[in-house]
Amino acid sequence: MHLYQIIKNEPAYWLVDQVKVKGTELLEYRVQLERLLTAWESKRVSYLSLLMDEGIEGWLVEQGFHKVSSIVEYTRSLAKLPPLDEAIQCQSLAGGAISDLQFQDLYAKCRSGSANKNKQQPMDEVMKSLESELGRDWRSYCYYFLRAGTKEPLGISIPHIEADTVEEGRLFYFGVLPEVRGQGLGTRLHTHALHLLKKEVGASYYVGSTDKHNTGMIRIFEKNGCHLRDQKGIYRIDRNN
């Protein structure tokens, strides 16, 4: 039984997310995580980031992890979504209207001033991880939002199906540009992102997460009908040189 989902971008990092299986004891998670750590160390990967039940936090610290923060996870069905705002248009990077560098610039601006406490990767690493995690057609998953009838950018979203699932929709990233924050656009753009998950990538339900201190994103989740599903700690361990 696989109790963790792993995204590998070697030699930079492993991203490990606990899969909660009903009836599975924390001891079983510890045993499998010990094996995983041994494999990670043998690969000499720079760091490992772990999303994990906070119930074994003491043990994780003993293994060399330090706690970064906690995340809250929200979910909702995509069967009945709020209507789209016609004042917002959505375009795909694959359409070619903007370059990869222009999209990267929008991405960088959107994540500036983030309330999330997890350490941000350099943007060149982020862009490389898009292809490694989403595949050769990664541009078709990258969307940007414009004010209708203009070229004014408002934000970006990267919808996809979660690895090892067929219907779970996730947003690799979602963000609003700093210059248009405070205008109530976050919820409306997020609604567009949910429609993209349903219509473009074929998801039947959505799972989104954010730092527990990111009250703005939590309000967006709640306004768009998402309900709290779980909370996990964010832990990190770095390889000893």
Protein backbone atom coordinates (compact mmCIF):
# COMPACT_ATOMS: atom_id res chain seq x y z
CA MET A 1 0.00 0.00 0.00
CA HIS A 2 1.39 3.37 -1.01
CA LEU A 3 0.88 5.81 1.87
CA TYR A 4 2.67 8.75 0.24
CA GLN A 5 2.56 10.55 -3.07
CA ILE A 6 5.99 11.69 -4.24
CA ILE A 7 6.97 14.31 -6.80
CA LYS A 8 10.67 14.11 -7.67
CA ASN A 9 12.70 16.91 -9.21
CA GLU A 10 16.21 15.54 -8.77
CA PRO A 11 18.71 16.55 -7.60
CA ALA A 12 16.83 19.58 -6.22
CA TYR A 13 13.99 18.12 -4.16
CA TRP A 14 11.36 15.52 -3.36
CA LEU A 15 7.83 16.67 -2.48
CA VAL A 16 6.10 14.05 -0.33
CA ASP A 17 2.42 14.13 0.63
CA GLN A 18 0.84 11.72 3.08
CA VAL A 19 -2.14 9.80 1.68
CA LYS A 20 -4.58 9.27 4.52
CA VAL A 21 -6.04 5.77 4.36
CA LYS A 22 -8.87 4.93 6.73
CA GLY A 23 -7.83 2.43 9.40
CA THR A 24 -4.08 2.95 8.88
CA GLU A 25 -2.12 3.52 12.07
CA LEU A 26 0.52 6.26 12.33
CA LEU A 27 3.10 3.53 13.03
CA GLU A 28 2.57 2.21 9.49
CA TYR A 29 3.21 5.68 8.11
CA ARG A 30 6.41 5.91 10.16
CA VAL A 31 7.71 2.60 8.84
CA GLN A 32 7.08 3.53 5.22
CA LEU A 33 8.49 7.02 5.74
CA GLU A 34 11.70 5.55 7.19
CA ARG A 35 12.18 3.54 4.00
CA LEU A 36 11.40 6.61 1.92
CA LEU A 37 14.00 8.67 3.81
CA THR A 38 16.63 6.01 3.24
CA ALA A 39 15.93 6.11 -0.51
CA TRP A 40 16.00 9.93 -0.51
CA GLU A 41 19.38 10.00 1.25
CA SER A 42 20.85 7.48 -1.18
CA LYS A 43 19.88 9.71 -4.12
CA ARG A 44 21.66 12.70 -2.53
CA VAL A 45 18.74 15.01 -3.25
CA SER A 46 19.11 18.50 -1.75
CA TYR A 47 15.95 18.54 0.36
CA LEU A 48 12.67 16.78 1.05
CA SER A 49 9.44 18.65 1.79
CA LEU A 50 6.78 16.65 3.61
CA LEU A 51 3.04 17.20 4.18
CA MET A 52 2.22 15.02 7.16
CA ASP A 53 -0.20 14.48 10.04
CA GLU A 54 0.99 16.59 12.96
CA GLY A 55 0.49 13.66 15.34
CA ILE A 56 4.06 12.40 14.81
CA GLU A 57 5.70 15.82 14.82
CA GLY A 58 8.03 14.93 17.71
CA TRP A 59 9.33 11.88 15.84
CA LEU A 60 9.81 13.92 12.66
CA VAL A 61 11.93 16.45 14.56
CA GLU A 62 14.04 13.57 15.90
CA GLN A 63 14.67 12.48 12.29
CA GLY A 64 16.02 15.93 11.40
CA PHE A 65 12.90 17.63 10.03
CA HIS A 66 11.96 21.17 10.99
CA LYS A 67 8.42 22.49 10.84
CA VAL A 68 7.74 25.22 8.30
CA SER A 69 4.04 25.78 8.96
CA SER A 70 0.67 24.03 8.61
CA ILE A 71 -1.63 23.79 5.62
CA VAL A 72 -5.40 23.49 5.48
CA GLU A 73 -7.02 21.45 2.73
CA TYR A 74 -10.42 22.26 1.23
CA THR A 75 -12.55 20.32 -1.23
CA ARG A 76 -15.79 20.54 -3.23
CA SER A 77 -17.64 18.74 -6.00
CA LEU A 78 -17.40 20.31 -9.45
CA ALA A 79 -20.91 19.17 -10.42
CA LYS A 80 -22.63 22.54 -9.89
CA LEU A 81 -20.35 25.55 -10.14
CA PRO A 82 -21.06 29.27 -9.72
CA PRO A 83 -21.57 31.11 -13.03
CA LEU A 84 -18.58 32.61 -14.83
CA ASP A 85 -17.95 36.35 -14.76
CA GLU A 86 -18.16 37.58 -18.36
CA ALA A 87 -15.92 40.52 -17.47
CA ILE A 88 -13.02 38.06 -17.23
CA GLN A 89 -11.41 36.23 -20.14
CA CYS A 90 -9.15 33.20 -19.90
CA GLN A 91 -6.36 32.21 -22.29
CA SER A 92 -3.91 29.32 -22.44
CA LEU A 93 -0.15 29.73 -22.73
CA ALA A 94 -0.33 27.08 -25.47
CA GLY A 95 -2.27 29.60 -27.57
CA GLY A 96 0.95 31.52 -28.17
CA ALA A 97 -0.32 35.03 -27.43
CA ILE A 98 2.36 35.46 -24.77
CA SER A 99 5.78 33.86 -24.36
CA ASP A 100 6.98 31.48 -21.66
CA LEU A 101 9.02 34.34 -20.18
CA GLN A 102 5.98 36.58 -20.04
CA PHE A 103 4.02 33.87 -18.27
CA GLN A 104 6.93 33.37 -15.88
CA ASP A 105 6.86 37.10 -15.13
CA LEU A 106 3.12 36.95 -14.36
CA TYR A 107 3.74 33.93 -12.11
CA ALA A 108 6.50 35.74 -10.22
CA LYS A 109 4.31 38.81 -9.68
CA CYS A 110 1.35 36.74 -8.50
CA ARG A 111 3.35 35.00 -5.79
CA SER A 112 4.89 38.23 -4.47
CA GLY A 113 3.59 39.18 -1.04
CA SER A 114 2.29 35.66 -0.43
CA ALA A 115 0.99 34.82 3.05
CA ASN A 116 2.27 31.25 2.65
CA LYS A 117 5.26 30.53 4.89
CA ASN A 118 6.78 27.75 2.77
CA LYS A 119 10.07 28.84 1.19
CA GLN A 120 9.61 29.85 -2.45
CA GLN A 121 11.67 28.17 -5.14
CA PRO A 122 13.56 30.33 -7.65
CA MET A 123 11.35 30.96 -10.69
CA ASP A 124 13.65 29.14 -13.10
CA GLU A 125 13.26 25.99 -10.98
CA VAL A 126 9.49 26.49 -10.87
CA MET A 127 9.26 26.67 -14.65
CA LYS A 128 11.41 23.54 -15.04
CA SER A 129 9.17 21.70 -12.59
CA LEU A 130 6.11 22.45 -14.73
CA GLU A 131 7.39 20.18 -17.49
CA SER A 132 8.72 17.52 -15.12
CA GLU A 133 5.43 17.33 -13.20
CA LEU A 134 2.86 18.09 -15.92
CA GLY A 135 4.58 16.59 -18.96
CA ARG A 136 5.53 17.83 -22.42
CA ASP A 137 2.16 19.53 -22.90
CA TRP A 138 2.61 21.62 -19.75
CA ARG A 139 1.79 24.86 -21.58
CA SER A 140 -1.75 23.62 -22.20
CA TYR A 141 -2.28 23.55 -18.41
CA CYS A 142 -1.08 27.14 -17.92
CA TYR A 143 -3.81 29.78 -18.06
CA TYR A 144 -3.84 33.50 -17.53
CA PHE A 145 -6.79 35.78 -16.92
CA LEU A 146 -7.45 39.12 -18.63
CA ARG A 147 -10.02 41.83 -18.12
CA ALA A 148 -12.49 41.27 -20.97
CA GLY A 149 -11.82 43.34 -24.09
CA THR A 150 -8.36 44.39 -22.89
CA LYS A 151 -4.85 43.01 -22.53
CA GLU A 152 -4.80 43.79 -18.82
CA PRO A 153 -3.64 40.66 -16.95
CA LEU A 154 -5.39 39.78 -13.68
CA GLY A 155 -3.88 36.49 -12.54
CA ILE A 156 -2.91 32.95 -13.46
CA SER A 157 -3.99 29.37 -12.78
CA ILE A 158 -2.50 25.96 -13.55
CA PRO A 159 -5.22 23.27 -13.29
CA HIS A 160 -4.37 19.57 -13.55
CA ILE A 161 -5.36 16.09 -12.40
CA GLU A 162 -3.57 14.94 -9.26
CA ALA A 163 -1.02 12.18 -9.85
CA ASP A 164 -2.28 8.61 -9.38
CA THR A 165 -5.93 9.75 -9.64
CA VAL A 166 -8.32 10.14 -12.56
CA GLU A 167 -10.79 12.71 -11.23
CA GLU A 168 -9.12 14.76 -8.50
CA GLY A 169 -8.59 18.32 -9.71
CA ARG A 170 -5.79 20.43 -8.27
CA LEU A 171 -4.32 23.84 -9.01
CA PHE A 172 -0.55 23.60 -9.35
CA TYR A 173 -0.72 27.33 -8.77
CA PHE A 174 -3.38 30.02 -8.51
CA GLY A 175 -2.69 33.71 -7.95
CA VAL A 176 -3.89 37.27 -8.44
CA LEU A 177 -1.59 40.08 -9.58
CA PRO A 178 -0.72 42.55 -6.79
CA GLU A 179 -2.00 45.61 -8.67
CA VAL A 180 -5.57 44.26 -8.86
CA ARG A 181 -5.84 42.77 -5.37
CA GLY A 182 -8.51 44.16 -3.08
CA GLN A 183 -11.07 44.37 -5.89
CA GLY A 184 -12.90 41.13 -5.13
CA LEU A 185 -11.31 39.40 -8.12
CA GLY A 186 -9.84 36.45 -6.23
CA THR A 187 -13.12 34.57 -5.82
CA ARG A 188 -14.18 35.30 -9.42
CA LEU A 189 -10.86 34.14 -10.87
CA HIS A 190 -10.97 31.04 -8.68
CA THR A 191 -14.42 30.27 -10.11
CA HIS A 192 -12.88 30.35 -13.59
CA ALA A 193 -10.15 28.00 -12.39
CA LEU A 194 -12.78 25.54 -11.10
CA HIS A 195 -14.53 25.61 -14.48
CA LEU A 196 -11.18 24.89 -16.16
CA LEU A 197 -10.68 21.89 -13.91
CA LYS A 198 -14.06 20.52 -14.88
CA LYS A 199 -14.19 21.34 -18.61
CA GLU A 200 -10.55 21.31 -19.71
CA VAL A 201 -8.92 18.64 -17.56
CA GLY A 202 -11.94 16.48 -16.71
CA ALA A 203 -11.92 16.63 -12.91
CA SER A 204 -15.07 15.73 -10.97
CA TYR A 205 -13.99 17.23 -7.66
CA TYR A 206 -11.47 19.79 -6.43
CA VAL A 207 -8.91 19.73 -3.65
CA GLY A 208 -7.11 22.93 -2.77
CA SER A 209 -4.69 23.76 0.01
CA THR A 210 -3.05 26.83 1.47
CA ASP A 211 -1.09 27.92 4.52
CA LYS A 212 -3.34 28.15 7.57
CA HIS A 213 -2.27 31.80 7.92
CA ASN A 214 -3.44 32.66 4.38
CA THR A 215 -6.84 33.99 5.42
CA GLY A 216 -7.43 35.56 1.99
CA MET A 217 -7.23 32.23 0.17
CA ILE A 218 -9.30 30.52 2.87
CA ARG A 219 -12.06 33.09 2.31
CA ILE A 220 -11.93 32.36 -1.43
CA PHE A 221 -12.33 28.63 -0.75
CA GLU A 222 -15.31 29.24 1.51
CA LYS A 223 -17.01 31.73 -0.83
CA ASN A 224 -16.74 29.19 -3.64
CA GLY A 225 -18.43 26.44 -1.66
CA CYS A 226 -15.36 24.49 -0.53
CA HIS A 227 -15.33 22.84 2.88
CA LEU A 228 -12.43 21.99 5.18
CA ARG A 229 -11.19 18.42 4.71
CA ASP A 230 -7.90 18.18 6.56
CA GLN A 231 -4.92 19.93 8.13
CA LYS A 232 -1.31 18.81 7.83
CA GLY A 233 2.05 20.07 8.94
CA ILE A 234 4.68 21.21 6.43
CA TYR A 235 8.07 19.75 7.32
CA ARG A 236 11.44 19.98 5.60
CA ILE A 237 14.71 18.11 5.86
CA ASP A 238 17.93 19.11 4.08
CA ARG A 239 20.69 16.76 3.05
CA ASN A 240 23.87 16.93 5.10
CA ASN A 241 26.79 17.61 2.74
